[in-house]
Protein backbone atom coordinates (compact mmCIF):
# COMPACT_ATOMS: atom_id res chain seq x y z
CA MET A 1 -12.56 11.61 -12.96
CA LYS A 2 -12.54 14.25 -10.19
CA ILE A 3 -9.08 15.83 -10.00
CA GLN A 4 -7.51 18.31 -7.60
CA ILE A 5 -4.46 20.34 -8.73
CA GLU A 6 -2.22 21.99 -6.12
CA THR A 7 0.31 24.44 -7.52
CA MET A 8 3.52 25.47 -5.75
CA GLY A 9 6.28 27.81 -6.85
CA CYS A 10 6.54 30.36 -9.61
CA GLN A 11 4.25 31.87 -12.24
CA MET A 12 5.57 29.30 -14.74
CA ASN A 13 4.03 26.55 -12.60
CA ARG A 14 0.78 28.49 -12.33
CA LEU A 15 0.65 28.71 -16.12
CA ASP A 16 1.41 24.98 -16.49
CA SER A 17 -1.42 24.18 -14.06
CA GLU A 18 -3.84 26.35 -16.04
CA LEU A 19 -2.87 24.54 -19.26
CA ILE A 20 -3.24 21.14 -17.58
CA GLU A 21 -6.63 22.08 -16.15
CA GLY A 22 -7.85 23.08 -19.59
CA GLU A 23 -6.67 19.83 -21.19
CA LEU A 24 -8.23 17.71 -18.45
CA ARG A 25 -11.56 19.50 -18.81
CA LYS A 26 -11.47 18.87 -22.56
CA CYS A 27 -11.02 15.16 -21.78
CA GLY A 28 -14.16 15.19 -19.62
CA HIS A 29 -12.53 15.34 -16.20
CA GLU A 30 -13.84 17.56 -13.38
CA ILE A 31 -11.48 19.86 -11.48
CA VAL A 32 -12.34 20.02 -7.77
CA ALA A 33 -11.04 22.27 -5.00
CA SER A 34 -10.98 19.75 -2.17
CA GLN A 35 -8.89 16.60 -1.93
CA GLN A 36 -11.79 14.99 -0.07
CA ASP A 37 -13.78 14.99 -3.31
CA ALA A 38 -10.84 14.00 -5.54
CA GLU A 39 -10.14 10.68 -7.20
CA ALA A 40 -6.73 12.01 -8.29
CA VAL A 41 -4.40 14.69 -6.94
CA ILE A 42 -1.73 16.46 -8.98
CA TYR A 43 1.07 18.29 -7.19
CA ASN A 44 2.78 20.82 -9.48
CA THR A 45 6.07 21.18 -7.62
CA CYS A 46 9.00 23.55 -7.18
CA SER A 47 12.64 22.68 -6.41
CA VAL A 48 14.09 26.16 -6.02
CA ARG A 49 14.14 25.98 -2.20
CA GLN A 50 14.09 23.17 0.34
CA HIS A 51 10.97 24.59 1.98
CA ALA A 52 8.97 24.05 -1.23
CA GLU A 53 10.14 20.44 -1.49
CA ASN A 54 9.37 19.75 2.18
CA LYS A 55 5.79 20.89 1.57
CA VAL A 56 5.37 18.29 -1.19
CA LEU A 57 6.97 15.51 0.85
CA SER A 58 4.55 16.28 3.68
CA ARG A 59 1.62 15.94 1.26
CA LEU A 60 2.98 12.63 -0.04
CA GLY A 61 3.37 11.25 3.46
CA ALA A 62 -0.27 12.05 4.22
CA ASP A 63 -1.39 10.48 0.91
CA SER A 64 0.57 7.33 1.68
CA GLN A 65 -1.28 7.01 4.97
CA ARG A 66 -4.67 7.58 3.31
CA LYS A 67 -3.99 4.98 0.63
CA ALA A 68 -2.77 2.53 3.26
CA GLU A 69 -6.12 2.99 5.02
CA GLY A 70 -7.94 2.00 1.83
CA LYS A 71 -8.56 5.35 0.10
CA SER A 72 -8.67 4.96 -3.69
CA LEU A 73 -6.52 7.85 -4.93
CA ILE A 74 -4.23 8.50 -7.90
CA VAL A 75 -1.21 10.59 -6.88
CA ALA A 76 0.77 12.53 -9.51
CA VAL A 77 3.91 14.60 -8.90
CA ILE A 78 4.73 16.93 -11.78
CA GLY A 79 7.00 19.92 -12.35
CA CYS A 80 10.57 20.65 -11.31
CA MET A 81 10.71 18.27 -8.35
CA ALA A 82 9.56 15.40 -10.59
CA GLN A 83 12.40 16.04 -13.05
CA ASN A 84 14.93 16.58 -10.27
CA TYR A 85 14.20 13.33 -8.40
CA GLY A 86 12.69 11.09 -11.07
CA ASP A 87 12.58 7.40 -10.13
CA GLU A 88 13.83 8.21 -6.64
CA LEU A 89 10.40 9.66 -5.82
CA ARG A 90 8.70 6.34 -6.54
CA ARG A 91 11.32 4.39 -4.62
CA LYS A 92 10.75 6.53 -1.53
CA TYR A 93 6.99 6.88 -2.05
CA PRO A 94 5.71 3.75 -3.84
CA HIS A 95 2.14 5.03 -3.63
CA VAL A 96 2.98 7.77 -6.19
CA ASP A 97 1.41 6.72 -9.48
CA ILE A 98 2.79 9.40 -11.84
CA VAL A 99 6.08 11.29 -11.94
CA CYS A 100 5.95 13.79 -14.80
CA ALA A 101 8.58 16.36 -15.80
CA PRO A 102 7.60 19.91 -16.88
CA GLY A 103 8.08 19.15 -20.57
CA ARG A 104 5.84 16.07 -20.51
CA ILE A 105 2.66 17.60 -19.06
CA GLY A 106 0.91 17.26 -22.42
CA GLU A 107 0.83 13.49 -21.81
CA LEU A 108 -0.87 13.74 -18.42
CA PRO A 109 -4.41 12.80 -19.58
CA GLN A 110 -3.13 9.44 -20.86
CA MET A 111 -0.98 8.92 -17.76
CA LEU A 112 -4.07 9.36 -15.57
CA LEU A 113 -5.99 6.77 -17.60
CA ASP A 114 -3.02 4.39 -17.29
CA ALA A 115 -2.90 4.98 -13.53
CA ARG A 116 -6.59 4.15 -13.23
CA ALA A 117 -5.76 0.83 -14.94
CA GLY A 118 -2.94 0.20 -12.45
CA VAL A 119 -0.01 1.30 -14.67
CA THR A 120 2.51 3.70 -13.10
CA THR A 121 4.50 6.22 -15.14
CA VAL A 122 7.83 8.01 -14.74
CA ALA A 123 8.12 10.46 -17.65
CA LEU A 124 11.22 12.64 -17.60
CA ASP A 125 12.62 15.31 -19.92
CA PRO A 126 15.96 14.72 -21.66
CA THR A 127 18.92 15.76 -19.51
CA ARG A 128 21.18 18.61 -20.59
CA ARG A 129 23.90 16.05 -21.31
CA GLU A 130 21.73 14.72 -24.14
CA ASN A 131 21.96 18.16 -25.81
CA ILE A 132 18.44 18.08 -27.26
CA THR A 133 17.49 21.69 -28.05
CA ASN A 134 13.86 20.92 -29.03
CA PRO A 135 12.58 18.17 -26.71
CA PRO A 136 9.57 16.28 -28.12
CA GLY A 137 7.37 17.41 -25.23
CA ASP A 138 7.68 21.03 -26.39
CA SER A 139 5.39 20.40 -29.35
CA HIS A 140 2.68 19.03 -27.01
CA ILE A 141 2.93 22.11 -24.80
CA SER A 142 2.87 24.43 -27.82
CA LYS A 143 -0.44 22.89 -28.91
CA MET A 144 -1.80 23.33 -25.39
CA GLU A 145 -0.73 26.99 -25.37
CA LEU A 146 -2.22 27.81 -28.75
CA GLY A 147 -5.43 25.88 -28.01
CA ARG A 148 -5.88 26.84 -24.36
CA GLU A 149 -9.29 27.50 -22.91
CA VAL A 150 -10.18 31.15 -22.36
CA THR A 151 -12.51 31.07 -19.40
CA PRO A 152 -14.78 34.13 -18.99
CA GLY A 153 -14.69 36.52 -16.07
CA ARG A 154 -10.93 36.91 -15.72
CA ALA A 155 -8.88 39.90 -16.87
CA GLN A 156 -5.35 38.53 -16.37
CA ALA A 157 -3.37 35.80 -18.11
CA PHE A 158 0.18 34.47 -18.31
CA VAL A 159 1.86 33.72 -21.65
CA ARG A 160 5.16 31.86 -21.86
CA VAL A 161 7.68 33.32 -24.30
CA ALA A 162 10.60 31.02 -23.49
CA LYS A 163 11.41 27.82 -21.64
CA GLY A 164 14.56 26.87 -19.77
CA CYS A 165 17.64 28.84 -18.78
CA ASN A 166 21.28 29.06 -19.91
CA PHE A 167 22.74 31.15 -17.08
CA PHE A 168 23.73 28.40 -14.59
CA CYS A 169 23.80 30.52 -11.46
CA SER A 170 25.73 28.33 -9.04
CA TYR A 171 22.87 28.05 -6.50
CA CYS A 172 20.07 27.36 -8.98
CA ILE A 173 18.52 24.05 -10.03
CA VAL A 174 16.29 25.53 -12.77
CA PRO A 175 18.65 24.97 -15.75
CA PHE A 176 18.83 21.27 -14.84
CA VAL A 177 15.09 20.71 -14.41
CA ARG A 178 13.76 23.12 -17.09
CA GLY A 179 16.51 22.48 -19.63
CA PRO A 180 18.27 24.87 -22.04
CA GLU A 181 16.68 28.13 -23.06
CA ARG A 182 14.27 27.83 -25.99
CA SER A 183 12.38 30.86 -27.27
CA ARG A 184 8.97 30.46 -28.92
CA ARG A 185 8.12 31.72 -32.40
CA PRO A 186 6.94 35.33 -32.10
CA GLU A 187 3.99 34.60 -34.39
CA ASP A 188 2.78 31.87 -32.02
CA ILE A 189 3.07 34.21 -29.03
CA VAL A 190 1.13 36.96 -30.83
CA THR A 191 -1.55 34.43 -31.84
CA GLU A 192 -1.93 33.21 -28.25
CA VAL A 193 -2.10 36.74 -26.82
CA ARG A 194 -4.66 37.82 -29.42
CA ARG A 195 -6.82 34.79 -28.63
CA LEU A 196 -6.68 35.55 -24.91
CA VAL A 197 -7.51 39.22 -25.42
CA ASP A 198 -10.40 38.34 -27.75
CA GLY A 199 -11.65 36.13 -24.90
CA GLY A 200 -11.68 39.03 -22.45
CA ARG A 201 -8.17 39.03 -20.94
CA SER A 202 -6.91 42.63 -20.92
CA GLU A 203 -3.69 42.23 -18.90
CA ILE A 204 -1.05 39.81 -20.19
CA THR A 205 2.15 38.90 -18.34
CA LEU A 206 4.92 37.41 -20.47
CA LEU A 207 6.90 34.70 -18.68
CA GLY A 208 10.43 33.37 -19.00
CA GLN A 209 13.05 32.13 -16.58
CA THR A 210 15.03 35.15 -17.85
CA VAL A 211 12.36 36.76 -19.98
CA ASN A 212 14.47 39.58 -21.38
CA SER A 213 16.92 37.01 -22.82
CA TYR A 214 14.27 36.12 -25.40
CA ARG A 215 15.75 35.67 -28.89
CA TYR A 216 14.13 33.83 -31.79
CA SER A 217 16.03 33.27 -35.04
CA GLU A 218 14.46 32.01 -38.24
CA GLY A 219 15.32 32.57 -41.90
CA GLY A 220 18.28 34.78 -41.09
CA ARG A 221 16.14 37.11 -38.96
CA THR A 222 16.38 37.39 -35.16
CA THR A 223 13.55 38.83 -33.06
CA SER A 224 14.70 40.44 -29.81
CA PHE A 225 12.61 40.83 -26.69
CA ALA A 226 12.06 44.54 -27.35
CA GLU A 227 10.84 43.68 -30.87
CA LEU A 228 8.53 41.03 -29.42
CA LEU A 229 6.97 43.66 -27.14
CA ALA A 230 6.45 45.89 -30.19
CA LYS A 231 4.67 43.05 -32.02
CA ILE A 232 2.31 42.33 -29.11
CA SER A 233 1.56 45.88 -27.95
CA PRO A 234 -0.77 46.91 -30.85
CA ILE A 235 -3.26 44.08 -30.20
CA GLU A 236 -6.62 45.78 -29.80
CA GLY A 237 -8.08 45.38 -26.32
CA LEU A 238 -4.73 44.75 -24.60
CA ARG A 239 -4.66 47.36 -21.84
CA ARG A 240 -1.62 46.13 -19.91
CA LEU A 241 1.45 44.18 -20.96
CA ARG A 242 3.87 42.97 -18.25
CA PHE A 243 6.87 40.65 -18.14
CA VAL A 244 8.79 38.69 -15.48
CA THR A 245 11.46 37.77 -14.49
CA SER A 246 14.41 39.72 -15.92
CA HIS A 247 18.14 39.09 -15.67
CA PRO A 248 20.33 42.19 -15.16
CA LEU A 249 22.90 41.08 -17.76
CA ASP A 250 20.56 41.23 -20.78
CA PHE A 251 18.61 44.36 -19.92
CA GLY A 252 19.41 46.66 -22.84
CA ASN A 253 18.14 50.16 -23.46
CA ASP A 254 15.90 48.83 -26.24
CA VAL A 255 13.67 47.11 -23.67
CA LEU A 256 13.56 50.25 -21.52
CA GLU A 257 12.72 52.36 -24.57
CA ALA A 258 9.91 49.94 -25.47
CA MET A 259 8.61 50.34 -21.90
CA ARG A 260 8.70 54.12 -22.34
CA ASP A 261 7.24 54.30 -25.85
CA LEU A 262 4.63 51.52 -25.96
CA PRO A 263 1.58 52.84 -24.09
CA ASN A 264 0.38 49.53 -22.62
CA VAL A 265 3.77 48.17 -21.47
CA CYS A 266 3.72 48.58 -17.69
CA PRO A 267 6.64 50.44 -16.07
CA TYR A 268 7.50 47.58 -13.73
CA ILE A 269 10.73 45.56 -13.60
CA HIS A 270 11.36 42.55 -11.38
CA CYS A 271 15.13 42.21 -11.66
CA PRO A 272 16.78 40.05 -8.96
CA ALA A 273 20.15 41.27 -7.72
CA GLN A 274 20.69 38.34 -5.26
CA SER A 275 23.57 40.23 -3.60
CA GLY A 276 25.13 43.67 -3.46
CA SER A 277 28.63 42.20 -3.10
CA ASP A 278 30.91 41.53 -6.07
CA ALA A 279 32.53 38.62 -4.20
CA MET A 280 29.15 36.94 -3.74
CA LEU A 281 27.98 37.73 -7.27
CA LYS A 282 31.10 36.02 -8.62
CA LYS A 283 30.59 32.90 -6.47
CA MET A 284 26.93 32.87 -7.50
CA ASN A 285 28.02 32.99 -11.18
CA ARG A 286 25.65 35.88 -11.84
CA LYS A 287 27.95 37.20 -14.62
CA TYR A 288 27.57 40.89 -13.74
CA THR A 289 29.13 43.21 -11.18
CA ARG A 290 27.58 45.59 -8.70
CA VAL A 291 28.60 48.50 -10.93
CA GLN A 292 26.70 46.94 -13.84
CA TYR A 293 23.60 46.47 -11.71
CA ASP A 294 23.80 50.05 -10.45
CA ASP A 295 24.12 51.18 -14.08
CA LEU A 296 20.91 49.30 -14.96
CA LEU A 297 19.05 51.09 -12.16
CA GLU A 298 20.34 54.45 -13.36
CA ARG A 299 19.46 53.76 -17.02
CA ALA A 300 16.01 52.50 -16.08
CA ARG A 301 15.19 55.67 -14.14
CA GLN A 302 16.60 57.96 -16.81
CA ILE A 303 14.66 56.34 -19.66
CA VAL A 304 11.48 55.44 -17.73
CA PRO A 305 11.14 58.07 -14.98
CA ASP A 306 8.09 56.41 -13.39
CA VAL A 307 9.61 52.92 -13.41
CA VAL A 308 8.92 50.67 -10.40
CA ILE A 309 11.57 48.10 -9.51
CA ALA A 310 11.48 44.97 -7.36
CA GLY A 311 14.41 42.75 -6.39
CA ASP A 312 15.43 39.38 -4.95
CA PHE A 313 18.20 38.65 -2.44
CA ILE A 314 19.81 35.51 -1.04
CA VAL A 315 21.28 35.72 2.46
CA GLY A 316 23.79 33.32 3.93
CA PHE A 317 25.34 32.15 0.66
CA PRO A 318 28.53 30.14 1.35
CA GLY A 319 31.32 32.42 2.48
CA GLU A 320 29.09 35.50 2.90
CA THR A 321 30.69 37.94 5.35
CA GLU A 322 29.13 40.77 7.31
CA GLU A 323 30.66 43.15 4.77
CA ASP A 324 28.96 41.25 1.92
CA HIS A 325 25.68 41.35 3.84
CA GLN A 326 25.92 45.10 4.41
CA ALA A 327 26.57 45.58 0.68
CA SER A 328 23.18 43.97 0.00
CA ALA A 329 21.51 46.24 2.56
CA GLU A 330 23.14 49.27 0.94
CA LEU A 331 21.90 48.17 -2.50
CA ILE A 332 18.31 47.93 -1.24
CA ARG A 333 18.57 51.49 0.10
CA LYS A 334 20.10 52.79 -3.14
CA ALA A 335 17.70 50.95 -5.45
CA GLY A 336 14.56 52.18 -3.72
CA TYR A 337 12.78 48.92 -4.47
CA LYS A 338 9.00 48.73 -4.22
CA ASN A 339 9.58 45.37 -2.58
CA SER A 340 12.27 42.72 -2.30
CA PHE A 341 11.95 38.99 -1.89
CA VAL A 342 14.59 37.83 0.60
CA PHE A 343 15.46 34.15 1.01
CA LYS A 344 17.84 32.16 3.16
CA TYR A 345 20.27 30.08 1.10
CA SER A 346 19.55 26.36 1.04
CA PRO A 347 21.83 24.01 -0.96
CA ARG A 348 20.14 22.39 -3.97
CA PRO A 349 21.48 18.92 -4.83
CA GLY A 350 23.23 18.87 -8.19
CA THR A 351 24.09 22.56 -8.33
CA LEU A 352 27.65 23.89 -8.54
CA ALA A 353 27.32 25.65 -5.18
CA GLN A 354 26.24 22.44 -3.45
CA LYS A 355 29.17 20.54 -4.96
CA ARG A 356 31.85 23.18 -4.52
CA TYR A 357 31.03 25.33 -1.47
CA PRO A 358 30.32 24.17 2.09
CA ASP A 359 27.13 25.61 3.59
CA ASP A 360 29.19 27.42 6.21
CA VAL A 361 26.90 30.25 7.37
CA PRO A 362 25.04 29.13 10.51
CA ASP A 363 21.25 29.11 10.28
CA SER A 364 21.03 31.57 13.17
CA VAL A 365 23.14 34.03 11.16
CA LYS A 366 21.01 33.44 8.07
CA ARG A 367 17.87 34.19 10.06
CA ARG A 368 19.34 37.39 11.48
CA ARG A 369 20.55 38.61 8.09
CA ASN A 370 17.22 37.69 6.50
CA ASN A 371 15.36 39.75 9.12
CA GLU A 372 17.80 42.65 8.78
CA LEU A 373 17.34 42.87 5.00
CA LEU A 374 13.57 42.64 5.43
CA GLY A 375 13.82 45.48 7.94
CA VAL A 376 15.79 47.64 5.49
CA GLN A 377 13.29 46.84 2.73
CA GLU A 378 10.38 47.71 5.02
CA HIS A 379 11.82 51.19 5.53
CA VAL A 380 12.60 51.62 1.81
CA GLY A 381 9.22 50.23 0.76
CA LEU A 382 7.37 52.56 3.13
CA GLU A 383 9.19 55.58 1.72
CA HIS A 384 8.44 54.41 -1.83
CA HIS A 385 4.74 53.83 -1.16
CA ARG A 386 4.28 57.14 0.71
CA GLY A 387 5.34 58.91 -2.48
CA TYR A 388 1.96 57.94 -3.97
CA ILE A 389 -0.20 59.53 -1.25
CA GLY A 390 -2.52 62.12 -2.81
CA LYS A 391 -2.13 60.75 -6.33
CA SER A 392 -4.88 59.38 -8.56
CA VAL A 393 -4.00 56.03 -10.12
CA GLU A 394 -5.65 53.35 -12.24
CA VAL A 395 -6.03 49.87 -10.75
CA LEU A 396 -7.16 46.55 -12.12
CA VAL A 397 -9.48 45.19 -9.45
CA GLU A 398 -8.64 41.56 -8.74
CA GLY A 399 -11.55 41.03 -6.34
CA PRO A 400 -12.25 41.12 -2.60
CA SER A 401 -9.18 41.58 -0.44
CA PRO A 402 -8.24 38.22 1.13
CA HIS A 403 -7.68 40.03 4.42
CA ALA A 404 -10.92 41.99 4.30
CA SER A 405 -12.74 42.24 7.59
CA ARG A 406 -16.43 41.40 7.66
CA PRO A 407 -18.31 44.42 6.28
CA ASP A 408 -20.41 46.40 8.70
CA ALA A 409 -24.17 46.85 8.29
CA ARG A 410 -23.81 50.07 6.28
CA ALA A 411 -21.30 48.47 3.88
CA ARG A 412 -23.55 45.44 3.38
CA LEU A 413 -26.52 47.72 2.75
CA GLU A 414 -24.60 49.69 0.14
CA GLY A 415 -23.17 46.53 -1.41
CA GLU A 416 -19.55 47.54 -0.79
CA VAL A 417 -16.64 45.34 0.24
CA GLN A 418 -12.93 45.80 0.70
CA LEU A 419 -11.41 45.32 -2.75
CA LEU A 420 -7.83 44.64 -3.84
CA GLY A 421 -6.39 46.03 -7.05
CA ARG A 422 -3.02 46.56 -8.69
CA THR A 423 -1.53 49.59 -10.39
CA ARG A 424 0.47 49.53 -13.60
CA GLY A 425 3.53 49.51 -11.33
CA ASP A 426 2.23 46.38 -9.55
CA HIS A 427 1.42 48.17 -6.30
CA ILE A 428 -1.21 46.49 -4.15
CA VAL A 429 -4.11 48.89 -3.52
CA VAL A 430 -6.95 48.29 -1.03
CA PHE A 431 -10.17 50.32 -1.11
CA GLU A 432 -13.92 50.06 -0.50
CA GLY A 433 -16.15 49.54 -3.50
CA PRO A 434 -18.87 47.42 -5.10
CA LEU A 435 -18.06 43.76 -5.71
CA ALA A 436 -19.20 44.28 -9.33
CA LEU A 437 -15.86 46.05 -9.93
CA ALA A 438 -13.98 42.71 -9.72
CA GLN A 439 -11.88 42.18 -12.88
CA GLN A 440 -12.66 45.76 -13.99
CA TYR A 441 -10.53 48.92 -14.02
CA ALA A 442 -11.07 51.79 -11.61
CA GLN A 443 -9.55 55.16 -10.80
CA VAL A 444 -8.70 55.63 -7.12
CA ARG A 445 -7.02 58.27 -4.96
CA ILE A 446 -4.26 57.12 -2.60
CA GLU A 447 -4.90 58.22 0.98
CA ASN A 448 -2.38 56.24 3.04
CA ALA A 449 0.38 53.67 2.74
CA THR A 450 2.35 50.93 4.48
CA SER A 451 5.57 49.32 3.29
CA LEU A 452 3.60 46.86 1.13
CA THR A 453 0.14 48.34 0.53
CA LEU A 454 -1.56 51.51 -0.69
CA PHE A 455 -4.94 52.49 0.79
CA ALA A 456 -7.31 54.43 -1.43
CA THR A 457 -10.80 55.78 -2.01
CA LEU A 458 -12.73 54.95 -5.17
CA LEU A 459 -13.19 57.76 -7.69
CA ARG A 460 -14.83 56.00 -10.64
CA GLN A 461 -14.77 52.98 -12.91
CA VAL A 462 -12.69 53.50 -16.06
């Protein structure tokens, strides 16, 4: 069967799609890039924001029309949106053949065979009310992770260290669709990383909804996240070890010291603040104060002087005042973030915020505040990036820049293109070089900067 997979949302979804693709290939299916060639489409969905859901609903509307016109097509909706809406998706879109929750993706090959035979499937994870700490689908996913394909020619890979979340931020749907937090056995994680590195992956990013909350207890012994980093770091051939996304509450000095002392742990922290206002942080149920977040920034820079920090912010949360908004702007200035992801609040059905707080900030105000924070971050990001001008840095070359202009005759003659790479601090670097450098490491000198990008000249391959 020819199958197209479209992935939306976070790195966790990207990892799930990679695992699914590997399993489907093992079953003899062909993964295609275009829906025109596909006999089945799989939408790996996100429910964090309304915009992400609207994108999926638009796709489903188009598929409904195509199937009504006689197109033979199996339509599968998987991921967070599938768990969040369940049977309701099939009631609204009867042409959907498969609704599959994140924890049930190991069963997708059989679901596709059933769909080809005319049998529809709605496969959901247990709800949190059922209090099942080890859902049966986890064992399927664990087998997929430990037996995943290691395709050649790629240097980067994601590895999940934990599933689910226990924080229950009032705006967030993730704990309801991903379930309670469950950390994987450290031995399984080390085995998976070693297998990936042996297959040519030299940069590994550890994933968790709150990755630094990782704790695994067995036989009276608990492995912390810092200890997990220390177990993975010595793997021969592992040049870079990253992790995302972190929660400010659980960021102890032990993790920062591991970042300082372990040579391949990258000095990069993505640690969402969401607001600079204590009043908003309390309503968001973030469980820390502004003083505690400021303390984390100070500790991080004291222990890891070259640390690079990125943040997230929500604007227009219910009840947000101009004073609250300015507190977020002030935090961006103080933190000196490399970049910040800024989002307008949108109520998520089933969350505490949606039930308890009216969405009382007008959309026009949300848009203005969103643009204002982006403007502050642009200034801060430019200052941060300019600090690298004149420095020599190592980059992992991901490939041609997606925004590269067509090379001129001289560049084509010399075989050079505009390449995009990333530093250990996750800076985007653009420079001219041979296409053969893709997925290799290079040393470059930074010549110029914008608020988001460093521009460099190639020194040598390393």
